[in-house]
Amino acid sequence: MKDDLNIRFKKAFEKASNTKEKLAPDVMLMLYAYYKQASEGDTFTFNANSDVRNAFKFNAWMQLRGLTTEEAKEEYINLVNSIIK
């Protein structure tokens, strides 16, 4: 089951990475946050000297605190499949 999830997650990542569609900034933030939570969990790191864009990305990721990596992968897959045909 876990291998299936990892395969589906990788396929969703490739689908999102290769899309030619212009995605809204809020969708891009959610994709980033789910990806970071899925790959790193609650191990948040932030450089205080970062720009505003990185602060928004970090904040989006922080909002997913407590979500398991498996749940984050499922949410990432669902989001990709709902916005990219």
PDB file of N, CA and C in Angstrom:
ATOM      1  N   MET A   1       0.833  -1.200   0.000  1.00  0.00           N
ATOM      2  CA  MET A   1       0.000   0.000   0.000  1.00  0.00           C
ATOM      3  C   MET A   1       0.871   1.255   0.000  1.00  0.00           C
ATOM      4  N   LYS A   2       1.901   1.263   0.874  1.00  0.00           N
ATOM      5  CA  LYS A   2       2.763   2.435   0.952  1.00  0.00           C
ATOM      6  C   LYS A   2       3.519   2.637  -0.357  1.00  0.00           C
ATOM      7  N   ASP A   3       3.962   1.523  -0.994  1.00  0.00           N
ATOM      8  CA  ASP A   3       4.654   1.635  -2.275  1.00  0.00           C
ATOM      9  C   ASP A   3       3.739   2.239  -3.328  1.00  0.00           C
ATOM     10  N   ASP A   4       2.465   1.817  -3.320  1.00  0.00           N
ATOM     11  CA  ASP A   4       1.487   2.369  -4.250  1.00  0.00           C
ATOM     12  C   ASP A   4       1.333   3.875  -4.034  1.00  0.00           C
ATOM     13  N   LEU A   5       1.286   4.296  -2.793  1.00  0.00           N
ATOM     14  CA  LEU A   5       1.164   5.723  -2.477  1.00  0.00           C
ATOM     15  C   LEU A   5       2.385   6.481  -2.986  1.00  0.00           C
ATOM     16  N   ASN A   6       3.566   5.928  -2.783  1.00  0.00           N
ATOM     17  CA  ASN A   6       4.781   6.593  -3.255  1.00  0.00           C
ATOM     18  C   ASN A   6       4.830   6.691  -4.771  1.00  0.00           C
ATOM     19  N   ILE A   7       4.358   5.666  -5.454  1.00  0.00           N
ATOM     20  CA  ILE A   7       4.303   5.693  -6.919  1.00  0.00           C
ATOM     21  C   ILE A   7       3.322   6.753  -7.391  1.00  0.00           C
ATOM     22  N   ARG A   8       2.133   6.783  -6.771  1.00  0.00           N
ATOM     23  CA  ARG A   8       1.129   7.785  -7.158  1.00  0.00           C
ATOM     24  C   ARG A   8       1.611   9.203  -6.853  1.00  0.00           C
ATOM     25  N   PHE A   9       2.327   9.365  -5.731  1.00  0.00           N
ATOM     26  CA  PHE A   9       2.872  10.664  -5.357  1.00  0.00           C
ATOM     27  C   PHE A   9       3.910  11.122  -6.379  1.00  0.00           C
ATOM     28  N   LYS A  10       4.789  10.219  -6.762  1.00  0.00           N
ATOM     29  CA  LYS A  10       5.816  10.557  -7.754  1.00  0.00           C
ATOM     30  C   LYS A  10       5.178  10.935  -9.091  1.00  0.00           C
ATOM     31  N   LYS A  11       4.164  10.188  -9.516  1.00  0.00           N
ATOM     32  CA  LYS A  11       3.471  10.493 -10.771  1.00  0.00           C
ATOM     33  C   LYS A  11       2.783  11.858 -10.697  1.00  0.00           C
ATOM     34  N   ALA A  12       2.171  12.157  -9.560  1.00  0.00           N
ATOM     35  CA  ALA A  12       1.514  13.457  -9.388  1.00  0.00           C
ATOM     36  C   ALA A  12       2.542  14.580  -9.419  1.00  0.00           C
ATOM     37  N   PHE A  13       3.695  14.357  -8.788  1.00  0.00           N
ATOM     38  CA  PHE A  13       4.761  15.361  -8.808  1.00  0.00           C
ATOM     39  C   PHE A  13       5.233  15.613 -10.236  1.00  0.00           C
ATOM     40  N   GLU A  14       5.433  14.552 -11.004  1.00  0.00           N
ATOM     41  CA  GLU A  14       5.858  14.697 -12.398  1.00  0.00           C
ATOM     42  C   GLU A  14       4.791  15.417 -13.218  1.00  0.00           C
ATOM     43  N   LYS A  15       3.544  15.088 -12.973  1.00  0.00           N
ATOM     44  CA  LYS A  15       2.428  15.728 -13.679  1.00  0.00           C
ATOM     45  C   LYS A  15       2.406  17.228 -13.382  1.00  0.00           C
ATOM     46  N   ALA A  16       2.567  17.594 -12.118  1.00  0.00           N
ATOM     47  CA  ALA A  16       2.561  19.005 -11.722  1.00  0.00           C
ATOM     48  C   ALA A  16       3.793  19.731 -12.265  1.00  0.00           C
ATOM     49  N   SER A  17       4.931  19.062 -12.226  1.00  0.00           N
ATOM     50  CA  SER A  17       6.178  19.682 -12.682  1.00  0.00           C
ATOM     51  C   SER A  17       6.196  19.918 -14.184  1.00  0.00           C
ATOM     52  N   ASN A  18       5.512  19.067 -14.927  1.00  0.00           N
ATOM     53  CA  ASN A  18       5.548  19.150 -16.390  1.00  0.00           C
ATOM     54  C   ASN A  18       4.353  19.857 -17.007  1.00  0.00           C
ATOM     55  N   THR A  19       3.441  20.352 -16.187  1.00  0.00           N
ATOM     56  CA  THR A  19       2.251  21.001 -16.751  1.00  0.00           C
ATOM     57  C   THR A  19       2.615  22.323 -17.415  1.00  0.00           C
ATOM     58  N   LYS A  20       1.899  22.616 -18.461  1.00  0.00           N
ATOM     59  CA  LYS A  20       2.062  23.899 -19.158  1.00  0.00           C
ATOM     60  C   LYS A  20       1.008  24.901 -18.674  1.00  0.00           C
ATOM     61  N   GLU A  21       0.076  24.403 -17.853  1.00  0.00           N
ATOM     62  CA  GLU A  21      -0.989  25.261 -17.332  1.00  0.00           C
ATOM     63  C   GLU A  21      -0.413  26.294 -16.369  1.00  0.00           C
ATOM     64  N   LYS A  22      -0.983  27.483 -16.417  1.00  0.00           N
ATOM     65  CA  LYS A  22      -0.607  28.542 -15.473  1.00  0.00           C
ATOM     66  C   LYS A  22      -1.455  28.338 -14.223  1.00  0.00           C
ATOM     67  N   LEU A  23      -0.802  28.047 -13.116  1.00  0.00           N
ATOM     68  CA  LEU A  23      -1.520  27.791 -11.869  1.00  0.00           C
ATOM     69  C   LEU A  23      -1.558  29.046 -11.012  1.00  0.00           C
ATOM     70  N   ALA A  24      -2.662  29.229 -10.326  1.00  0.00           N
ATOM     71  CA  ALA A  24      -2.837  30.387  -9.445  1.00  0.00           C
ATOM     72  C   ALA A  24      -1.817  30.329  -8.307  1.00  0.00           C
ATOM     73  N   PRO A  25      -1.386  31.484  -7.813  1.00  0.00           N
ATOM     74  CA  PRO A  25      -0.392  31.506  -6.728  1.00  0.00           C
ATOM     75  C   PRO A  25      -0.817  30.727  -5.486  1.00  0.00           C
ATOM     76  N   ASP A  26      -2.104  30.787  -5.119  1.00  0.00           N
ATOM     77  CA  ASP A  26      -2.541  30.052  -3.929  1.00  0.00           C
ATOM     78  C   ASP A  26      -2.466  28.539  -4.142  1.00  0.00           C
ATOM     79  N   VAL A  27      -2.713  28.093  -5.361  1.00  0.00           N
ATOM     80  CA  VAL A  27      -2.596  26.667  -5.682  1.00  0.00           C
ATOM     81  C   VAL A  27      -1.125  26.250  -5.635  1.00  0.00           C
ATOM     82  N   MET A  28      -0.258  27.081  -6.166  1.00  0.00           N
ATOM     83  CA  MET A  28       1.177  26.795  -6.126  1.00  0.00           C
ATOM     84  C   MET A  28       1.666  26.687  -4.681  1.00  0.00           C
ATOM     85  N   LEU A  29       1.168  27.569  -3.816  1.00  0.00           N
ATOM     86  CA  LEU A  29       1.538  27.517  -2.404  1.00  0.00           C
ATOM     87  C   LEU A  29       1.090  26.211  -1.755  1.00  0.00           C
ATOM     88  N   MET A  30      -0.123  25.785  -2.065  1.00  0.00           N
ATOM     89  CA  MET A  30      -0.629  24.539  -1.485  1.00  0.00           C
ATOM     90  C   MET A  30       0.155  23.342  -2.001  1.00  0.00           C
ATOM     91  N   LEU A  31       0.491  23.339  -3.289  1.00  0.00           N
ATOM     92  CA  LEU A  31       1.301  22.252  -3.825  1.00  0.00           C
ATOM     93  C   LEU A  31       2.648  22.203  -3.110  1.00  0.00           C
ATOM     94  N   TYR A  32       3.249  23.366  -2.941  1.00  0.00           N
ATOM     95  CA  TYR A  32       4.532  23.440  -2.238  1.00  0.00           C
ATOM     96  C   TYR A  32       4.400  22.913  -0.811  1.00  0.00           C
ATOM     97  N   ALA A  33       3.389  23.370  -0.106  1.00  0.00           N
ATOM     98  CA  ALA A  33       3.214  23.001   1.302  1.00  0.00           C
ATOM     99  C   ALA A  33       2.971  21.497   1.455  1.00  0.00           C
ATOM    100  N   TYR A  34       2.092  20.943   0.633  1.00  0.00           N
ATOM    101  CA  TYR A  34       1.832  19.500   0.715  1.00  0.00           C
ATOM    102  C   TYR A  34       3.085  18.712   0.357  1.00  0.00           C
ATOM    103  N   TYR A  35       3.823  19.175  -0.649  1.00  0.00           N
ATOM    104  CA  TYR A  35       5.045  18.480  -1.028  1.00  0.00           C
ATOM    105  C   TYR A  35       6.061  18.495   0.119  1.00  0.00           C
ATOM    106  N   LYS A  36       6.270  19.649   0.708  1.00  0.00           N
ATOM    107  CA  LYS A  36       7.233  19.760   1.813  1.00  0.00           C
ATOM    108  C   LYS A  36       6.796  18.901   2.998  1.00  0.00           C
ATOM    109  N   GLN A  37       5.514  18.923   3.329  1.00  0.00           N
ATOM    110  CA  GLN A  37       5.021  18.121   4.452  1.00  0.00           C
ATOM    111  C   GLN A  37       5.163  16.636   4.135  1.00  0.00           C
ATOM    112  N   ALA A  38       4.892  16.270   2.881  1.00  0.00           N
ATOM    113  CA  ALA A  38       5.002  14.865   2.474  1.00  0.00           C
ATOM    114  C   ALA A  38       6.445  14.387   2.499  1.00  0.00           C
ATOM    115  N   SER A  39       7.373  15.252   2.163  1.00  0.00           N
ATOM    116  CA  SER A  39       8.762  14.816   2.069  1.00  0.00           C
ATOM    117  C   SER A  39       9.577  15.076   3.336  1.00  0.00           C
ATOM    118  N   GLU A  40       9.181  16.069   4.135  1.00  0.00           N
ATOM    119  CA  GLU A  40       9.978  16.418   5.317  1.00  0.00           C
ATOM    120  C   GLU A  40       9.204  16.400   6.630  1.00  0.00           C
ATOM    121  N   GLY A  41       7.881  16.331   6.566  1.00  0.00           N
ATOM    122  CA  GLY A  41       7.084  16.309   7.788  1.00  0.00           C
ATOM    123  C   GLY A  41       7.189  17.621   8.552  1.00  0.00           C
ATOM    124  N   ASP A  42       7.155  17.541   9.859  1.00  0.00           N
ATOM    125  CA  ASP A  42       7.173  18.735  10.713  1.00  0.00           C
ATOM    126  C   ASP A  42       8.583  19.245  11.014  1.00  0.00           C
ATOM    127  N   THR A  43       9.534  18.983  10.149  1.00  0.00           N
ATOM    128  CA  THR A  43      10.909  19.454  10.370  1.00  0.00           C
ATOM    129  C   THR A  43      11.100  20.788   9.665  1.00  0.00           C
ATOM    130  N   PHE A  44      10.445  21.802  10.167  1.00  0.00           N
ATOM    131  CA  PHE A  44      10.431  23.120   9.535  1.00  0.00           C
ATOM    132  C   PHE A  44      11.781  23.811   9.647  1.00  0.00           C
ATOM    133  N   THR A  45      12.204  24.403   8.549  1.00  0.00           N
ATOM    134  CA  THR A  45      13.407  25.233   8.542  1.00  0.00           C
ATOM    135  C   THR A  45      13.096  26.511   7.775  1.00  0.00           C
ATOM    136  N   PHE A  46      13.605  27.603   8.271  1.00  0.00           N
ATOM    137  CA  PHE A  46      13.358  28.887   7.620  1.00  0.00           C
ATOM    138  C   PHE A  46      14.546  29.806   7.856  1.00  0.00           C
ATOM    139  N   ASN A  47      14.995  30.437   6.804  1.00  0.00           N
ATOM    140  CA  ASN A  47      16.075  31.411   6.885  1.00  0.00           C
ATOM    141  C   ASN A  47      15.455  32.785   7.089  1.00  0.00           C
ATOM    142  N   ALA A  48      15.725  33.413   8.211  1.00  0.00           N
ATOM    143  CA  ALA A  48      15.124  34.711   8.538  1.00  0.00           C
ATOM    144  C   ALA A  48      15.512  35.795   7.536  1.00  0.00           C
ATOM    145  N   ASN A  49      16.553  35.577   6.777  1.00  0.00           N
ATOM    146  CA  ASN A  49      16.971  36.556   5.766  1.00  0.00           C
ATOM    147  C   ASN A  49      16.290  36.329   4.417  1.00  0.00           C
ATOM    148  N   SER A  50      15.340  35.403   4.362  1.00  0.00           N
ATOM    149  CA  SER A  50      14.650  35.099   3.113  1.00  0.00           C
ATOM    150  C   SER A  50      13.708  36.224   2.713  1.00  0.00           C
ATOM    151  N   ASP A  51      13.305  36.189   1.455  1.00  0.00           N
ATOM    152  CA  ASP A  51      12.397  37.210   0.943  1.00  0.00           C
ATOM    153  C   ASP A  51      10.940  36.889   1.312  1.00  0.00           C
ATOM    154  N   VAL A  52      10.045  37.775   0.948  1.00  0.00           N
ATOM    155  CA  VAL A  52       8.627  37.636   1.289  1.00  0.00           C
ATOM    156  C   VAL A  52       8.036  36.381   0.658  1.00  0.00           C
ATOM    157  N   ARG A  53       8.438  36.064  -0.561  1.00  0.00           N
ATOM    158  CA  ARG A  53       7.915  34.875  -1.242  1.00  0.00           C
ATOM    159  C   ARG A  53       8.209  33.622  -0.421  1.00  0.00           C
ATOM    160  N   ASN A  54       9.430  33.506   0.061  1.00  0.00           N
ATOM    161  CA  ASN A  54       9.788  32.341   0.868  1.00  0.00           C
ATOM    162  C   ASN A  54       9.064  32.330   2.207  1.00  0.00           C
ATOM    163  N   ALA A  55       8.773  33.489   2.743  1.00  0.00           N
ATOM    164  CA  ALA A  55       8.011  33.560   3.989  1.00  0.00           C
ATOM    165  C   ALA A  55       6.591  33.029   3.777  1.00  0.00           C
ATOM    166  N   PHE A  56       5.973  33.357   2.641  1.00  0.00           N
ATOM    167  CA  PHE A  56       4.641  32.834   2.328  1.00  0.00           C
ATOM    168  C   PHE A  56       4.681  31.317   2.170  1.00  0.00           C
ATOM    169  N   LYS A  57       5.707  30.807   1.487  1.00  0.00           N
ATOM    170  CA  LYS A  57       5.851  29.367   1.300  1.00  0.00           C
ATOM    171  C   LYS A  57       6.021  28.668   2.653  1.00  0.00           C
ATOM    172  N   PHE A  58       6.851  29.224   3.506  1.00  0.00           N
ATOM    173  CA  PHE A  58       7.078  28.648   4.827  1.00  0.00           C
ATOM    174  C   PHE A  58       5.790  28.649   5.653  1.00  0.00           C
ATOM    175  N   ASN A  59       5.052  29.749   5.596  1.00  0.00           N
ATOM    176  CA  ASN A  59       3.791  29.850   6.334  1.00  0.00           C
ATOM    177  C   ASN A  59       2.782  28.801   5.853  1.00  0.00           C
ATOM    178  N   ALA A  60       2.700  28.616   4.544  1.00  0.00           N
ATOM    179  CA  ALA A  60       1.774  27.614   4.003  1.00  0.00           C
ATOM    180  C   ALA A  60       2.145  26.218   4.507  1.00  0.00           C
ATOM    181  N   TRP A  61       3.431  25.930   4.549  1.00  0.00           N
ATOM    182  CA  TRP A  61       3.900  24.632   5.042  1.00  0.00           C
ATOM    183  C   TRP A  61       3.595  24.483   6.525  1.00  0.00           C
ATOM    184  N   MET A  62       3.853  25.521   7.315  1.00  0.00           N
ATOM    185  CA  MET A  62       3.611  25.474   8.761  1.00  0.00           C
ATOM    186  C   MET A  62       2.145  25.184   9.084  1.00  0.00           C
ATOM    187  N   GLN A  63       1.242  25.630   8.234  1.00  0.00           N
ATOM    188  CA  GLN A  63      -0.183  25.414   8.478  1.00  0.00           C
ATOM    189  C   GLN A  63      -0.567  23.940   8.396  1.00  0.00           C
ATOM    190  N   LEU A  64       0.306  23.115   7.839  1.00  0.00           N
ATOM    191  CA  LEU A  64       0.031  21.683   7.722  1.00  0.00           C
ATOM    192  C   LEU A  64       0.649  20.881   8.864  1.00  0.00           C
ATOM    193  N   ARG A  65       1.147  21.566   9.872  1.00  0.00           N
ATOM    194  CA  ARG A  65       1.771  20.905  11.022  1.00  0.00           C
ATOM    195  C   ARG A  65       0.852  19.810  11.557  1.00  0.00           C
ATOM    196  N   GLY A  66       1.436  18.651  11.805  1.00  0.00           N
ATOM    197  CA  GLY A  66       0.672  17.538  12.364  1.00  0.00           C
ATOM    198  C   GLY A  66       0.111  16.590  11.323  1.00  0.00           C
ATOM    199  N   LEU A  67       0.061  17.006  10.074  1.00  0.00           N
ATOM    200  CA  LEU A  67      -0.399  16.131   8.997  1.00  0.00           C
ATOM    201  C   LEU A  67       0.697  15.086   8.755  1.00  0.00           C
ATOM    202  N   THR A  68       0.322  13.819   8.705  1.00  0.00           N
ATOM    203  CA  THR A  68       1.333  12.790   8.465  1.00  0.00           C
ATOM    204  C   THR A  68       1.852  12.900   7.040  1.00  0.00           C
ATOM    205  N   THR A  69       3.004  12.300   6.794  1.00  0.00           N
ATOM    206  CA  THR A  69       3.548  12.336   5.430  1.00  0.00           C
ATOM    207  C   THR A  69       2.611  11.617   4.460  1.00  0.00           C
ATOM    208  N   GLU A  70       1.983  10.548   4.917  1.00  0.00           N
ATOM    209  CA  GLU A  70       1.045   9.822   4.060  1.00  0.00           C
ATOM    210  C   GLU A  70      -0.177  10.678   3.733  1.00  0.00           C
ATOM    211  N   GLU A  71      -0.712  11.372   4.738  1.00  0.00           N
ATOM    212  CA  GLU A  71      -1.865  12.252   4.499  1.00  0.00           C
ATOM    213  C   GLU A  71      -1.482  13.386   3.554  1.00  0.00           C
ATOM    214  N   ALA A  72      -0.294  13.932   3.722  1.00  0.00           N
ATOM    215  CA  ALA A  72       0.156  15.017   2.853  1.00  0.00           C
ATOM    216  C   ALA A  72       0.316  14.532   1.422  1.00  0.00           C
ATOM    217  N   LYS A  73       0.820  13.320   1.244  1.00  0.00           N
ATOM    218  CA  LYS A  73       0.955  12.762  -0.108  1.00  0.00           C
ATOM    219  C   LYS A  73      -0.413  12.599  -0.752  1.00  0.00           C
ATOM    220  N   GLU A  74      -1.378  12.072   0.002  1.00  0.00           N
ATOM    221  CA  GLU A  74      -2.741  11.907  -0.530  1.00  0.00           C
ATOM    222  C   GLU A  74      -3.341  13.252  -0.922  1.00  0.00           C
ATOM    223  N   GLU A  75      -3.170  14.255  -0.071  1.00  0.00           N
ATOM    224  CA  GLU A  75      -3.709  15.586  -0.366  1.00  0.00           C
ATOM    225  C   GLU A  75      -3.035  16.189  -1.594  1.00  0.00           C
ATOM    226  N   TYR A  76      -1.729  15.997  -1.715  1.00  0.00           N
ATOM    227  CA  TYR A  76      -0.989  16.490  -2.878  1.00  0.00           C
ATOM    228  C   TYR A  76      -1.524  15.830  -4.150  1.00  0.00           C
ATOM    229  N   ILE A  77      -1.666  14.516  -4.120  1.00  0.00           N
ATOM    230  CA  ILE A  77      -2.183  13.765  -5.272  1.00  0.00           C
ATOM    231  C   ILE A  77      -3.576  14.254  -5.641  1.00  0.00           C
ATOM    232  N   ASN A  78      -4.446  14.400  -4.647  1.00  0.00           N
ATOM    233  CA  ASN A  78      -5.819  14.855  -4.904  1.00  0.00           C
ATOM    234  C   ASN A  78      -5.835  16.258  -5.509  1.00  0.00           C
ATOM    235  N   LEU A  79      -4.999  17.148  -4.991  1.00  0.00           N
ATOM    236  CA  LEU A  79      -4.953  18.507  -5.516  1.00  0.00           C
ATOM    237  C   LEU A  79      -4.453  18.523  -6.950  1.00  0.00           C
ATOM    238  N   VAL A  80      -3.384  17.820  -7.227  1.00  0.00           N
ATOM    239  CA  VAL A  80      -2.856  17.758  -8.599  1.00  0.00           C
ATOM    240  C   VAL A  80      -3.914  17.220  -9.555  1.00  0.00           C
ATOM    241  N   ASN A  81      -4.538  16.121  -9.180  1.00  0.00           N
ATOM    242  CA  ASN A  81      -5.533  15.511 -10.063  1.00  0.00           C
ATOM    243  C   ASN A  81      -6.781  16.364 -10.233  1.00  0.00           C
ATOM    244  N   SER A  82      -7.059  17.231  -9.281  1.00  0.00           N
ATOM    245  CA  SER A  82      -8.256  18.087  -9.399  1.00  0.00           C
ATOM    246  C   SER A  82      -7.993  19.322 -10.262  1.00  0.00           C
ATOM    247  N   ILE A  83      -6.743  19.721 -10.407  1.00  0.00           N
ATOM    248  CA  ILE A  83      -6.471  20.951 -11.162  1.00  0.00           C
ATOM    249  C   ILE A  83      -5.789  20.718 -12.512  1.00  0.00           C
ATOM    250  N   ILE A  84      -5.150  19.570 -12.681  1.00  0.00           N
ATOM    251  CA  ILE A  84      -4.441  19.283 -13.925  1.00  0.00           C
ATOM    252  C   ILE A  84      -5.046  18.033 -14.559  1.00  0.00           C
ATOM    253  N   LYS A  85      -5.564  18.217 -15.722  1.00  0.00           N
ATOM    254  CA  LYS A  85      -6.225  17.087 -16.418  1.00  0.00           C
ATOM    255  C   LYS A  85      -5.261  16.325 -17.285  1.00  0.00           C
TER     256      LYS A  85
END
